[in-house]
Amino acid sequence: MSRGRSARRPPGGAAGLLPKTALVSGGLLRIAGLGVLINGDSGIGKSESALELISRGYRFVSDDVVEARRTVAGRVLGRSPSLTRHFMEIRGLGIINIKQIFGLRAVILQSPIDLVITLHKWEGSGSSDRLGLKFPEDYVLLGVRIPRLNIPVAPGRNIATLIEAACKVQRLRHKGYHASKEIVRKLERALLRRNRMGVVSREKR
C-alpha cells in the first residue's frame, strides 16, 4: 500500500458489466471525515459501538443493512433503506430512533464508503499484526476496492474508541504517515548507531 489506500474504481470498461446497487450487511457512520462501513459477526457489538460513536458527535447513516450504489465517478455511496432510516436495534433496549434521541445533526442521509472496519473475535495474541505493518485485502463492493481494517474484539476492549482511532489512523496513512513504519525506522537507526559504536570501540582496543 503506497501512502494510504482510498477507494479505487474498477478498471476500464469493467464497470459497465458490474451491478450498480447492492444491499450490504453492516452499519454505516460518518467518522472523522470518512464514511465507515462497520461489519462483523452478529452480536459482536457493532450497533453498541455505533451508538457510542454517535454520542461522541459522529453521524449516523444506517444500522444493520446499507443500500450501496456505485456512482459514475466510481465511488460507492451508502444509505439506509427508507423503512429503517434513523432506527437502530440495541440488545436490551429494542428499537431506538437516533434522530429523536440525538437530534437532526446526528443523522445524515447518505455517505461515500471510504473505509470498511471488520470486527472479529480475538483469537489469541499470535493471530494479529501488532505493529500494523500488514494490511488485509481490500473490501470489494460493486467492483470498487475499499480499504479495510480488521479489529479484534475481546472483553475489556473499548470498541468505539478503537474504531475512532482506526479512522484517524487511516486519514494519516492517506497523507503518507505510518506510525508502525516510523518506529521501525527508529529501531533501524538505533541498531545502526549501536553497531557503529561497537566497531569504533573494537578499533580503539
N, C-alpha and C. Protein backbone atom coordinates (compact mmCIF):
# COMPACT_ATOMS: atom_id res chain seq x y z
N MET A 1 0.85 -1.18 0.00
CA MET A 1 0.00 0.00 0.00
C MET A 1 0.88 1.23 0.00
N SER A 2 0.76 2.04 -1.03
CA SER A 2 1.52 3.27 -1.10
C SER A 2 0.67 4.38 -0.50
N ARG A 3 1.33 5.21 0.30
CA ARG A 3 0.60 6.20 1.07
C ARG A 3 -0.56 5.50 1.75
N GLY A 4 -1.73 6.08 1.80
CA GLY A 4 -2.87 5.38 2.38
C GLY A 4 -3.82 5.01 1.27
N ARG A 5 -4.44 3.87 1.38
CA ARG A 5 -5.34 3.47 0.32
C ARG A 5 -6.64 4.23 0.43
N SER A 6 -7.18 4.65 -0.69
CA SER A 6 -8.52 5.19 -0.75
C SER A 6 -9.30 4.33 -1.73
N ALA A 7 -10.62 4.48 -1.73
CA ALA A 7 -11.45 3.64 -2.58
C ALA A 7 -11.02 3.82 -4.04
N ARG A 8 -10.89 2.68 -4.74
CA ARG A 8 -10.44 2.72 -6.13
C ARG A 8 -11.52 2.16 -7.04
N ARG A 9 -11.76 2.81 -8.17
CA ARG A 9 -12.79 2.41 -9.10
C ARG A 9 -12.34 1.22 -9.92
N PRO A 10 -13.28 0.43 -10.50
CA PRO A 10 -12.89 -0.70 -11.33
C PRO A 10 -12.21 -0.24 -12.60
N PRO A 11 -11.30 -1.05 -13.15
CA PRO A 11 -10.54 -0.64 -14.32
C PRO A 11 -11.36 -0.65 -15.60
N GLY A 12 -11.01 0.25 -16.51
CA GLY A 12 -11.51 0.24 -17.87
C GLY A 12 -13.00 0.11 -17.99
N GLY A 13 -13.43 -0.78 -18.91
CA GLY A 13 -14.85 -0.95 -19.17
C GLY A 13 -15.50 -1.96 -18.26
N ALA A 14 -14.77 -2.44 -17.26
CA ALA A 14 -15.34 -3.46 -16.37
C ALA A 14 -16.53 -2.94 -15.59
N ALA A 15 -16.56 -1.63 -15.33
CA ALA A 15 -17.64 -1.06 -14.53
C ALA A 15 -18.99 -1.27 -15.17
N GLY A 16 -19.02 -1.25 -16.50
CA GLY A 16 -20.29 -1.41 -17.20
C GLY A 16 -20.87 -2.80 -17.07
N LEU A 17 -20.08 -3.79 -16.71
CA LEU A 17 -20.53 -5.16 -16.59
C LEU A 17 -20.95 -5.51 -15.18
N LEU A 18 -20.72 -4.63 -14.22
CA LEU A 18 -20.98 -4.91 -12.82
C LEU A 18 -22.30 -4.29 -12.38
N PRO A 19 -22.95 -4.89 -11.36
CA PRO A 19 -24.18 -4.27 -10.85
C PRO A 19 -23.86 -2.91 -10.23
N LYS A 20 -24.85 -2.03 -10.24
CA LYS A 20 -24.63 -0.68 -9.72
C LYS A 20 -25.19 -0.49 -8.32
N THR A 21 -25.97 -1.45 -7.84
CA THR A 21 -26.53 -1.35 -6.49
C THR A 21 -26.40 -2.69 -5.77
N ALA A 22 -26.40 -2.62 -4.45
CA ALA A 22 -26.33 -3.85 -3.65
C ALA A 22 -26.79 -3.54 -2.23
N LEU A 23 -27.30 -4.57 -1.55
CA LEU A 23 -27.60 -4.49 -0.13
C LEU A 23 -26.43 -5.11 0.63
N VAL A 24 -25.88 -4.38 1.59
CA VAL A 24 -24.69 -4.82 2.30
C VAL A 24 -24.99 -4.93 3.79
N SER A 25 -24.55 -5.99 4.40
CA SER A 25 -24.71 -6.17 5.84
C SER A 25 -23.70 -5.30 6.59
N GLY A 26 -24.17 -4.57 7.58
CA GLY A 26 -23.29 -3.73 8.37
C GLY A 26 -23.93 -2.39 8.66
N GLY A 27 -23.28 -1.60 9.48
CA GLY A 27 -23.74 -0.26 9.80
C GLY A 27 -22.83 0.77 9.16
N LEU A 28 -23.38 1.93 8.85
CA LEU A 28 -22.61 2.99 8.19
C LEU A 28 -22.68 4.27 9.01
N LEU A 29 -21.51 4.83 9.31
CA LEU A 29 -21.40 6.09 10.03
C LEU A 29 -20.43 7.01 9.31
N ARG A 30 -20.52 8.28 9.64
CA ARG A 30 -19.55 9.26 9.17
C ARG A 30 -18.66 9.60 10.36
N ILE A 31 -17.37 9.16 10.29
CA ILE A 31 -16.46 9.30 11.42
C ILE A 31 -15.19 9.99 10.95
N ALA A 32 -14.86 11.12 11.57
CA ALA A 32 -13.60 11.83 11.29
C ALA A 32 -13.42 12.09 9.80
N GLY A 33 -14.52 12.44 9.14
CA GLY A 33 -14.44 12.78 7.72
C GLY A 33 -14.48 11.59 6.78
N LEU A 34 -14.66 10.38 7.31
CA LEU A 34 -14.70 9.18 6.48
C LEU A 34 -16.06 8.50 6.62
N GLY A 35 -16.56 7.96 5.52
CA GLY A 35 -17.72 7.10 5.57
C GLY A 35 -17.26 5.70 5.91
N VAL A 36 -17.70 5.16 7.05
CA VAL A 36 -17.14 3.91 7.57
C VAL A 36 -18.24 2.85 7.66
N LEU A 37 -18.04 1.77 6.92
CA LEU A 37 -18.92 0.61 7.00
C LEU A 37 -18.37 -0.33 8.06
N ILE A 38 -19.16 -0.60 9.09
CA ILE A 38 -18.73 -1.47 10.19
C ILE A 38 -19.48 -2.79 10.06
N ASN A 39 -18.72 -3.87 9.85
CA ASN A 39 -19.36 -5.18 9.74
C ASN A 39 -18.68 -6.17 10.67
N GLY A 40 -19.17 -7.39 10.69
CA GLY A 40 -18.64 -8.40 11.58
C GLY A 40 -19.72 -9.37 11.99
N ASP A 41 -19.35 -10.31 12.85
CA ASP A 41 -20.29 -11.34 13.28
C ASP A 41 -21.46 -10.74 14.06
N SER A 42 -22.60 -11.42 13.98
CA SER A 42 -23.78 -11.00 14.74
C SER A 42 -23.48 -11.04 16.24
N GLY A 43 -23.90 -9.98 16.96
CA GLY A 43 -23.73 -9.94 18.40
C GLY A 43 -22.36 -9.52 18.87
N ILE A 44 -21.49 -9.08 17.96
CA ILE A 44 -20.12 -8.73 18.35
C ILE A 44 -20.01 -7.32 18.90
N GLY A 45 -21.08 -6.51 18.72
CA GLY A 45 -21.07 -5.16 19.31
C GLY A 45 -21.06 -4.03 18.30
N LYS A 46 -21.48 -4.29 17.07
CA LYS A 46 -21.45 -3.25 16.05
C LYS A 46 -22.39 -2.08 16.38
N SER A 47 -23.64 -2.40 16.71
CA SER A 47 -24.61 -1.34 16.98
C SER A 47 -24.29 -0.59 18.27
N GLU A 48 -23.85 -1.31 19.28
CA GLU A 48 -23.49 -0.65 20.55
C GLU A 48 -22.32 0.31 20.35
N SER A 49 -21.35 -0.13 19.54
CA SER A 49 -20.20 0.74 19.25
C SER A 49 -20.63 1.95 18.45
N ALA A 50 -21.52 1.74 17.49
CA ALA A 50 -22.04 2.85 16.69
C ALA A 50 -22.77 3.86 17.57
N LEU A 51 -23.55 3.36 18.53
CA LEU A 51 -24.29 4.24 19.44
C LEU A 51 -23.32 5.10 20.25
N GLU A 52 -22.25 4.50 20.73
CA GLU A 52 -21.24 5.25 21.48
C GLU A 52 -20.60 6.33 20.60
N LEU A 53 -20.31 5.99 19.35
CA LEU A 53 -19.69 6.96 18.44
C LEU A 53 -20.65 8.10 18.12
N ILE A 54 -21.92 7.80 17.98
CA ILE A 54 -22.91 8.85 17.74
C ILE A 54 -22.98 9.79 18.94
N SER A 55 -22.88 9.23 20.14
CA SER A 55 -22.91 10.07 21.35
C SER A 55 -21.69 10.99 21.42
N ARG A 56 -20.62 10.64 20.69
CA ARG A 56 -19.41 11.49 20.64
C ARG A 56 -19.49 12.56 19.55
N GLY A 57 -20.60 12.57 18.81
CA GLY A 57 -20.79 13.62 17.82
C GLY A 57 -20.64 13.18 16.37
N TYR A 58 -20.34 11.91 16.14
CA TYR A 58 -20.26 11.42 14.77
C TYR A 58 -21.65 11.12 14.23
N ARG A 59 -21.78 11.00 12.92
CA ARG A 59 -23.10 10.99 12.30
C ARG A 59 -23.50 9.60 11.82
N PHE A 60 -24.77 9.33 11.98
CA PHE A 60 -25.35 8.01 11.72
C PHE A 60 -26.02 8.00 10.34
N VAL A 61 -25.74 6.93 9.59
CA VAL A 61 -26.38 6.75 8.28
C VAL A 61 -27.34 5.56 8.33
N SER A 62 -26.82 4.40 8.74
CA SER A 62 -27.66 3.20 8.70
C SER A 62 -27.16 2.17 9.70
N ASP A 63 -28.09 1.33 10.16
CA ASP A 63 -27.77 0.25 11.07
C ASP A 63 -28.14 -1.08 10.43
N ASP A 64 -27.25 -2.03 10.50
CA ASP A 64 -27.52 -3.42 10.12
C ASP A 64 -27.48 -3.68 8.62
N VAL A 65 -28.16 -2.85 7.82
CA VAL A 65 -28.19 -3.04 6.37
C VAL A 65 -27.97 -1.69 5.68
N VAL A 66 -27.15 -1.70 4.64
CA VAL A 66 -26.83 -0.48 3.90
C VAL A 66 -27.17 -0.70 2.42
N GLU A 67 -27.87 0.25 1.84
CA GLU A 67 -28.08 0.27 0.40
C GLU A 67 -26.89 0.95 -0.25
N ALA A 68 -26.13 0.20 -1.03
CA ALA A 68 -24.93 0.73 -1.67
C ALA A 68 -25.20 0.99 -3.15
N ARG A 69 -24.61 2.07 -3.64
CA ARG A 69 -24.77 2.44 -5.06
C ARG A 69 -23.45 2.95 -5.60
N ARG A 70 -23.04 2.43 -6.76
CA ARG A 70 -21.82 2.91 -7.39
C ARG A 70 -22.14 4.10 -8.29
N THR A 71 -21.37 5.17 -8.13
CA THR A 71 -21.59 6.38 -8.92
C THR A 71 -20.83 6.30 -10.24
N VAL A 72 -21.14 7.23 -11.12
CA VAL A 72 -20.45 7.31 -12.41
C VAL A 72 -18.96 7.54 -12.20
N ALA A 73 -18.62 8.27 -11.14
CA ALA A 73 -17.22 8.58 -10.84
C ALA A 73 -16.48 7.38 -10.23
N GLY A 74 -17.21 6.28 -9.96
CA GLY A 74 -16.54 5.08 -9.45
C GLY A 74 -16.44 5.02 -7.94
N ARG A 75 -17.21 5.83 -7.23
CA ARG A 75 -17.25 5.74 -5.77
C ARG A 75 -18.50 4.98 -5.37
N VAL A 76 -18.51 4.51 -4.13
CA VAL A 76 -19.68 3.81 -3.61
C VAL A 76 -20.34 4.67 -2.55
N LEU A 77 -21.62 4.95 -2.74
CA LEU A 77 -22.40 5.69 -1.76
C LEU A 77 -23.28 4.72 -0.98
N GLY A 78 -23.45 4.97 0.30
CA GLY A 78 -24.29 4.13 1.13
C GLY A 78 -25.39 4.94 1.79
N ARG A 79 -26.53 4.33 1.94
CA ARG A 79 -27.66 4.97 2.62
C ARG A 79 -28.49 3.90 3.31
N SER A 80 -29.41 4.33 4.15
CA SER A 80 -30.28 3.40 4.85
C SER A 80 -31.50 3.08 4.00
N PRO A 81 -32.01 1.85 4.05
CA PRO A 81 -33.32 1.58 3.46
C PRO A 81 -34.35 2.51 4.10
N SER A 82 -35.29 3.02 3.31
CA SER A 82 -36.24 4.01 3.81
C SER A 82 -37.04 3.50 5.01
N LEU A 83 -37.33 2.21 5.04
CA LEU A 83 -38.14 1.65 6.12
C LEU A 83 -37.45 1.76 7.48
N THR A 84 -36.12 1.64 7.50
CA THR A 84 -35.38 1.62 8.78
C THR A 84 -34.55 2.88 9.01
N ARG A 85 -34.76 3.90 8.19
CA ARG A 85 -33.95 5.12 8.31
C ARG A 85 -34.11 5.74 9.69
N HIS A 86 -32.98 6.07 10.30
CA HIS A 86 -32.88 6.69 11.62
C HIS A 86 -33.07 5.70 12.77
N PHE A 87 -33.38 4.44 12.47
CA PHE A 87 -33.63 3.46 13.52
C PHE A 87 -32.42 2.56 13.74
N MET A 88 -32.26 2.14 14.99
CA MET A 88 -31.17 1.24 15.36
C MET A 88 -31.70 0.24 16.40
N GLU A 89 -31.23 -1.00 16.28
CA GLU A 89 -31.62 -2.02 17.26
C GLU A 89 -30.48 -2.24 18.25
N ILE A 90 -30.79 -2.09 19.51
CA ILE A 90 -29.82 -2.29 20.58
C ILE A 90 -30.35 -3.38 21.51
N ARG A 91 -29.56 -4.42 21.70
CA ARG A 91 -29.98 -5.50 22.58
C ARG A 91 -30.23 -4.97 24.00
N GLY A 92 -31.40 -5.29 24.52
CA GLY A 92 -31.78 -4.81 25.85
C GLY A 92 -32.63 -3.57 25.82
N LEU A 93 -32.50 -2.77 24.75
CA LEU A 93 -33.31 -1.56 24.60
C LEU A 93 -34.37 -1.71 23.52
N GLY A 94 -34.10 -2.58 22.55
CA GLY A 94 -35.01 -2.73 21.42
C GLY A 94 -34.68 -1.74 20.32
N ILE A 95 -35.71 -1.26 19.62
CA ILE A 95 -35.54 -0.32 18.52
C ILE A 95 -35.53 1.11 19.07
N ILE A 96 -34.51 1.88 18.69
CA ILE A 96 -34.45 3.28 19.09
C ILE A 96 -34.34 4.16 17.86
N ASN A 97 -34.77 5.41 17.99
CA ASN A 97 -34.73 6.37 16.90
C ASN A 97 -33.59 7.37 17.17
N ILE A 98 -32.54 7.28 16.39
CA ILE A 98 -31.35 8.11 16.61
C ILE A 98 -31.67 9.59 16.43
N LYS A 99 -32.48 9.91 15.45
CA LYS A 99 -32.83 11.32 15.19
C LYS A 99 -33.58 11.91 16.37
N GLN A 100 -34.51 11.14 16.95
CA GLN A 100 -35.31 11.65 18.06
C GLN A 100 -34.47 11.77 19.34
N ILE A 101 -33.50 10.89 19.53
CA ILE A 101 -32.70 10.90 20.75
C ILE A 101 -31.60 11.95 20.69
N PHE A 102 -30.87 12.01 19.55
CA PHE A 102 -29.69 12.86 19.47
C PHE A 102 -29.90 14.12 18.63
N GLY A 103 -31.01 14.21 17.91
CA GLY A 103 -31.28 15.39 17.12
C GLY A 103 -30.90 15.23 15.66
N LEU A 104 -31.31 16.19 14.87
CA LEU A 104 -31.13 16.14 13.42
C LEU A 104 -29.66 16.09 13.01
N ARG A 105 -28.80 16.75 13.78
CA ARG A 105 -27.39 16.81 13.41
C ARG A 105 -26.68 15.46 13.58
N ALA A 106 -27.33 14.52 14.25
CA ALA A 106 -26.71 13.21 14.48
C ALA A 106 -26.90 12.26 13.31
N VAL A 107 -27.75 12.64 12.34
CA VAL A 107 -28.04 11.75 11.23
C VAL A 107 -27.68 12.42 9.90
N ILE A 108 -27.40 11.58 8.93
CA ILE A 108 -27.10 12.06 7.58
C ILE A 108 -27.71 11.06 6.61
N LEU A 109 -28.23 11.55 5.50
CA LEU A 109 -28.98 10.70 4.57
C LEU A 109 -28.10 9.64 3.92
N GLN A 110 -26.92 10.04 3.47
CA GLN A 110 -26.03 9.10 2.79
C GLN A 110 -24.58 9.55 2.95
N SER A 111 -23.67 8.65 2.62
CA SER A 111 -22.24 8.96 2.71
C SER A 111 -21.48 8.06 1.77
N PRO A 112 -20.39 8.57 1.19
CA PRO A 112 -19.47 7.66 0.48
C PRO A 112 -18.93 6.64 1.47
N ILE A 113 -18.64 5.45 0.98
CA ILE A 113 -18.00 4.43 1.83
C ILE A 113 -16.51 4.47 1.54
N ASP A 114 -15.74 5.02 2.49
CA ASP A 114 -14.30 5.23 2.32
C ASP A 114 -13.47 4.16 3.01
N LEU A 115 -14.05 3.50 4.00
CA LEU A 115 -13.30 2.55 4.81
C LEU A 115 -14.25 1.49 5.33
N VAL A 116 -13.78 0.24 5.35
CA VAL A 116 -14.55 -0.85 5.95
C VAL A 116 -13.79 -1.35 7.18
N ILE A 117 -14.47 -1.40 8.30
CA ILE A 117 -13.88 -1.94 9.53
C ILE A 117 -14.62 -3.22 9.89
N THR A 118 -13.88 -4.31 9.95
CA THR A 118 -14.46 -5.61 10.28
C THR A 118 -14.09 -5.98 11.71
N LEU A 119 -15.10 -6.20 12.53
CA LEU A 119 -14.90 -6.63 13.91
C LEU A 119 -14.92 -8.16 13.96
N HIS A 120 -13.94 -8.74 14.63
CA HIS A 120 -13.91 -10.20 14.75
C HIS A 120 -13.43 -10.57 16.15
N LYS A 121 -13.78 -11.75 16.58
CA LYS A 121 -13.43 -12.20 17.92
C LYS A 121 -11.91 -12.38 18.03
N TRP A 122 -11.38 -11.95 19.18
CA TRP A 122 -9.95 -12.11 19.46
C TRP A 122 -9.61 -13.59 19.51
N GLU A 123 -8.60 -13.99 18.76
CA GLU A 123 -8.24 -15.41 18.68
C GLU A 123 -6.89 -15.70 19.31
N GLY A 124 -6.42 -14.82 20.16
CA GLY A 124 -5.12 -15.03 20.80
C GLY A 124 -4.10 -14.05 20.25
N SER A 125 -3.07 -13.80 21.05
CA SER A 125 -2.09 -12.77 20.71
C SER A 125 -1.31 -13.08 19.45
N GLY A 126 -1.24 -14.34 19.06
CA GLY A 126 -0.43 -14.68 17.89
C GLY A 126 -1.14 -14.49 16.58
N SER A 127 -2.44 -14.14 16.59
CA SER A 127 -3.20 -14.09 15.35
C SER A 127 -3.31 -12.70 14.75
N SER A 128 -2.78 -11.68 15.42
CA SER A 128 -2.92 -10.32 14.92
C SER A 128 -1.56 -9.69 14.67
N ASP A 129 -1.58 -8.68 13.79
CA ASP A 129 -0.36 -7.95 13.46
C ASP A 129 -0.19 -6.80 14.44
N ARG A 130 0.72 -6.95 15.39
CA ARG A 130 0.82 -5.99 16.49
C ARG A 130 1.42 -4.66 16.04
N LEU A 131 2.25 -4.67 15.02
CA LEU A 131 2.88 -3.43 14.57
C LEU A 131 2.03 -2.68 13.55
N GLY A 132 1.10 -3.36 12.89
CA GLY A 132 0.32 -2.70 11.86
C GLY A 132 1.05 -2.56 10.55
N LEU A 133 2.02 -3.45 10.28
CA LEU A 133 2.77 -3.39 9.03
C LEU A 133 2.06 -4.13 7.90
N LYS A 134 1.13 -5.01 8.26
CA LYS A 134 0.41 -5.77 7.25
C LYS A 134 -1.01 -5.24 7.12
N PHE A 135 -1.56 -5.35 5.91
CA PHE A 135 -2.90 -4.89 5.67
C PHE A 135 -3.73 -6.01 5.06
N PRO A 136 -4.97 -6.20 5.51
CA PRO A 136 -5.81 -7.20 4.87
C PRO A 136 -6.15 -6.76 3.46
N GLU A 137 -6.68 -7.67 2.70
CA GLU A 137 -7.07 -7.33 1.34
C GLU A 137 -8.19 -6.30 1.37
N ASP A 138 -8.26 -5.50 0.30
CA ASP A 138 -9.34 -4.52 0.20
C ASP A 138 -10.70 -5.22 0.20
N TYR A 139 -11.70 -4.50 0.63
CA TYR A 139 -13.08 -4.96 0.55
C TYR A 139 -13.62 -4.54 -0.81
N VAL A 140 -14.07 -5.48 -1.60
CA VAL A 140 -14.55 -5.17 -2.95
C VAL A 140 -16.07 -5.09 -2.92
N LEU A 141 -16.59 -3.93 -3.28
CA LEU A 141 -18.02 -3.68 -3.28
C LEU A 141 -18.41 -3.04 -4.60
N LEU A 142 -19.28 -3.71 -5.33
CA LEU A 142 -19.73 -3.22 -6.64
C LEU A 142 -18.55 -2.95 -7.56
N GLY A 143 -17.52 -3.78 -7.43
CA GLY A 143 -16.34 -3.65 -8.28
C GLY A 143 -15.36 -2.60 -7.83
N VAL A 144 -15.65 -1.89 -6.74
CA VAL A 144 -14.77 -0.84 -6.22
C VAL A 144 -14.01 -1.39 -5.02
N ARG A 145 -12.70 -1.19 -5.01
CA ARG A 145 -11.86 -1.67 -3.92
C ARG A 145 -11.80 -0.59 -2.83
N ILE A 146 -12.20 -0.99 -1.62
CA ILE A 146 -12.27 -0.06 -0.49
C ILE A 146 -11.32 -0.54 0.60
N PRO A 147 -10.49 0.33 1.17
CA PRO A 147 -9.57 -0.09 2.25
C PRO A 147 -10.33 -0.73 3.40
N ARG A 148 -9.72 -1.77 3.98
CA ARG A 148 -10.37 -2.47 5.09
C ARG A 148 -9.38 -2.67 6.23
N LEU A 149 -9.87 -2.49 7.44
CA LEU A 149 -9.10 -2.76 8.65
C LEU A 149 -9.85 -3.77 9.49
N ASN A 150 -9.13 -4.70 10.08
CA ASN A 150 -9.71 -5.69 10.98
C ASN A 150 -9.39 -5.33 12.43
N ILE A 151 -10.40 -5.35 13.29
CA ILE A 151 -10.20 -5.05 14.70
C ILE A 151 -10.65 -6.24 15.53
N PRO A 152 -9.73 -6.87 16.27
CA PRO A 152 -10.13 -7.98 17.14
C PRO A 152 -10.85 -7.48 18.38
N VAL A 153 -11.90 -8.17 18.75
CA VAL A 153 -12.74 -7.76 19.87
C VAL A 153 -12.56 -8.75 21.01
N ALA A 154 -12.33 -8.24 22.20
CA ALA A 154 -12.17 -9.07 23.39
C ALA A 154 -12.75 -8.32 24.58
N PRO A 155 -13.14 -9.01 25.64
CA PRO A 155 -13.66 -8.34 26.84
C PRO A 155 -12.67 -7.29 27.35
N GLY A 156 -13.21 -6.11 27.68
CA GLY A 156 -12.37 -5.04 28.21
C GLY A 156 -11.87 -4.07 27.16
N ARG A 157 -11.98 -4.43 25.88
CA ARG A 157 -11.54 -3.50 24.83
C ARG A 157 -12.68 -2.54 24.50
N ASN A 158 -12.37 -1.25 24.42
CA ASN A 158 -13.37 -0.25 24.07
C ASN A 158 -13.44 -0.17 22.55
N ILE A 159 -14.44 -0.85 21.98
CA ILE A 159 -14.51 -0.99 20.53
C ILE A 159 -14.72 0.37 19.86
N ALA A 160 -15.58 1.22 20.44
CA ALA A 160 -15.85 2.52 19.84
C ALA A 160 -14.58 3.36 19.73
N THR A 161 -13.78 3.35 20.80
CA THR A 161 -12.53 4.10 20.78
C THR A 161 -11.56 3.53 19.74
N LEU A 162 -11.51 2.21 19.62
CA LEU A 162 -10.65 1.59 18.63
C LEU A 162 -11.09 1.95 17.21
N ILE A 163 -12.39 1.98 16.96
CA ILE A 163 -12.90 2.36 15.64
C ILE A 163 -12.56 3.81 15.34
N GLU A 164 -12.76 4.68 16.33
CA GLU A 164 -12.45 6.10 16.16
C GLU A 164 -10.97 6.29 15.85
N ALA A 165 -10.11 5.61 16.60
CA ALA A 165 -8.67 5.71 16.36
C ALA A 165 -8.30 5.15 15.00
N ALA A 166 -8.94 4.04 14.60
CA ALA A 166 -8.65 3.44 13.30
C ALA A 166 -8.95 4.40 12.16
N CYS A 167 -10.04 5.15 12.29
CA CYS A 167 -10.39 6.13 11.25
C CYS A 167 -9.34 7.23 11.16
N LYS A 168 -8.87 7.70 12.31
CA LYS A 168 -7.86 8.75 12.31
C LYS A 168 -6.52 8.22 11.80
N VAL A 169 -6.22 6.96 12.12
CA VAL A 169 -5.01 6.32 11.58
C VAL A 169 -5.09 6.23 10.06
N GLN A 170 -6.27 5.87 9.55
CA GLN A 170 -6.44 5.75 8.11
C GLN A 170 -6.25 7.10 7.41
N ARG A 171 -6.75 8.17 8.02
CA ARG A 171 -6.56 9.51 7.44
C ARG A 171 -5.08 9.87 7.39
N LEU A 172 -4.34 9.53 8.45
CA LEU A 172 -2.90 9.79 8.47
C LEU A 172 -2.17 8.96 7.42
N ARG A 173 -2.58 7.70 7.27
CA ARG A 173 -1.97 6.85 6.25
C ARG A 173 -2.21 7.41 4.85
N HIS A 174 -3.40 7.93 4.64
CA HIS A 174 -3.71 8.52 3.34
C HIS A 174 -2.81 9.72 3.05
N LYS A 175 -2.36 10.39 4.11
CA LYS A 175 -1.44 11.52 3.95
C LYS A 175 0.02 11.07 3.88
N GLY A 176 0.24 9.75 4.05
CA GLY A 176 1.59 9.21 3.92
C GLY A 176 2.30 8.92 5.23
N TYR A 177 1.60 9.09 6.36
CA TYR A 177 2.24 8.83 7.65
C TYR A 177 1.83 7.47 8.18
N HIS A 178 2.82 6.63 8.54
CA HIS A 178 2.57 5.31 9.12
C HIS A 178 3.38 5.21 10.41
N ALA A 179 2.70 5.19 11.55
CA ALA A 179 3.40 5.12 12.83
C ALA A 179 4.25 3.86 12.93
N SER A 180 3.73 2.73 12.43
CA SER A 180 4.48 1.47 12.51
C SER A 180 5.78 1.55 11.73
N LYS A 181 5.73 2.18 10.55
CA LYS A 181 6.94 2.31 9.75
C LYS A 181 7.93 3.27 10.40
N GLU A 182 7.40 4.30 11.09
CA GLU A 182 8.28 5.25 11.77
C GLU A 182 9.05 4.57 12.89
N ILE A 183 8.36 3.72 13.68
CA ILE A 183 9.06 3.06 14.78
C ILE A 183 10.09 2.07 14.26
N VAL A 184 9.79 1.41 13.12
CA VAL A 184 10.77 0.50 12.52
C VAL A 184 12.00 1.28 12.06
N ARG A 185 11.79 2.45 11.46
CA ARG A 185 12.93 3.28 11.03
C ARG A 185 13.77 3.71 12.23
N LYS A 186 13.11 4.08 13.33
CA LYS A 186 13.84 4.48 14.53
C LYS A 186 14.66 3.33 15.09
N LEU A 187 14.07 2.13 15.10
CA LEU A 187 14.80 0.96 15.58
C LEU A 187 16.00 0.66 14.68
N GLU A 188 15.81 0.78 13.38
CA GLU A 188 16.92 0.52 12.46
C GLU A 188 18.04 1.52 12.67
N ARG A 189 17.69 2.81 12.88
CA ARG A 189 18.73 3.82 13.11
C ARG A 189 19.45 3.56 14.43
N ALA A 190 18.69 3.16 15.46
CA ALA A 190 19.32 2.87 16.76
C ALA A 190 20.28 1.68 16.65
N LEU A 191 19.88 0.66 15.93
CA LEU A 191 20.74 -0.51 15.74
C LEU A 191 21.99 -0.15 14.95
N LEU A 192 21.79 0.70 13.93
CA LEU A 192 22.94 1.12 13.13
C LEU A 192 23.94 1.91 13.96
N ARG A 193 23.42 2.82 14.82
CA ARG A 193 24.32 3.60 15.69
C ARG A 193 25.05 2.68 16.66
N ARG A 194 24.33 1.71 17.22
CA ARG A 194 24.96 0.79 18.16
C ARG A 194 26.04 -0.04 17.48
N ASN A 195 25.77 -0.48 16.25
CA ASN A 195 26.76 -1.26 15.52
C ASN A 195 28.00 -0.43 15.21
N ARG A 196 27.79 0.84 14.85
CA ARG A 196 28.93 1.72 14.55
C ARG A 196 29.76 1.97 15.80
N MET A 197 29.07 2.17 16.93
CA MET A 197 29.79 2.40 18.19
C MET A 197 30.59 1.15 18.56
N GLY A 198 30.02 -0.04 18.26
CA GLY A 198 30.75 -1.26 18.56
C GLY A 198 32.00 -1.40 17.72
N VAL A 199 31.92 -0.97 16.44
CA VAL A 199 33.08 -1.05 15.54
C VAL A 199 34.16 -0.09 16.04
N VAL A 200 33.77 1.14 16.40
CA VAL A 200 34.75 2.13 16.88
C VAL A 200 35.40 1.64 18.15
N SER A 201 34.61 1.04 19.07
CA SER A 201 35.14 0.55 20.33
C SER A 201 36.19 -0.55 20.09
N ARG A 202 35.91 -1.44 19.15
CA ARG A 202 36.86 -2.53 18.86
C ARG A 202 38.14 -1.97 18.23
N GLU A 203 38.00 -0.92 17.39
CA GLU A 203 39.18 -0.33 16.73
C GLU A 203 40.11 0.37 17.72
N LYS A 204 39.53 0.88 18.84
CA LYS A 204 40.34 1.57 19.82
C LYS A 204 41.11 0.62 20.72
N ARG A 205 40.71 -0.64 20.73
CA ARG A 205 41.41 -1.60 21.60
C ARG A 205 42.80 -1.95 21.05
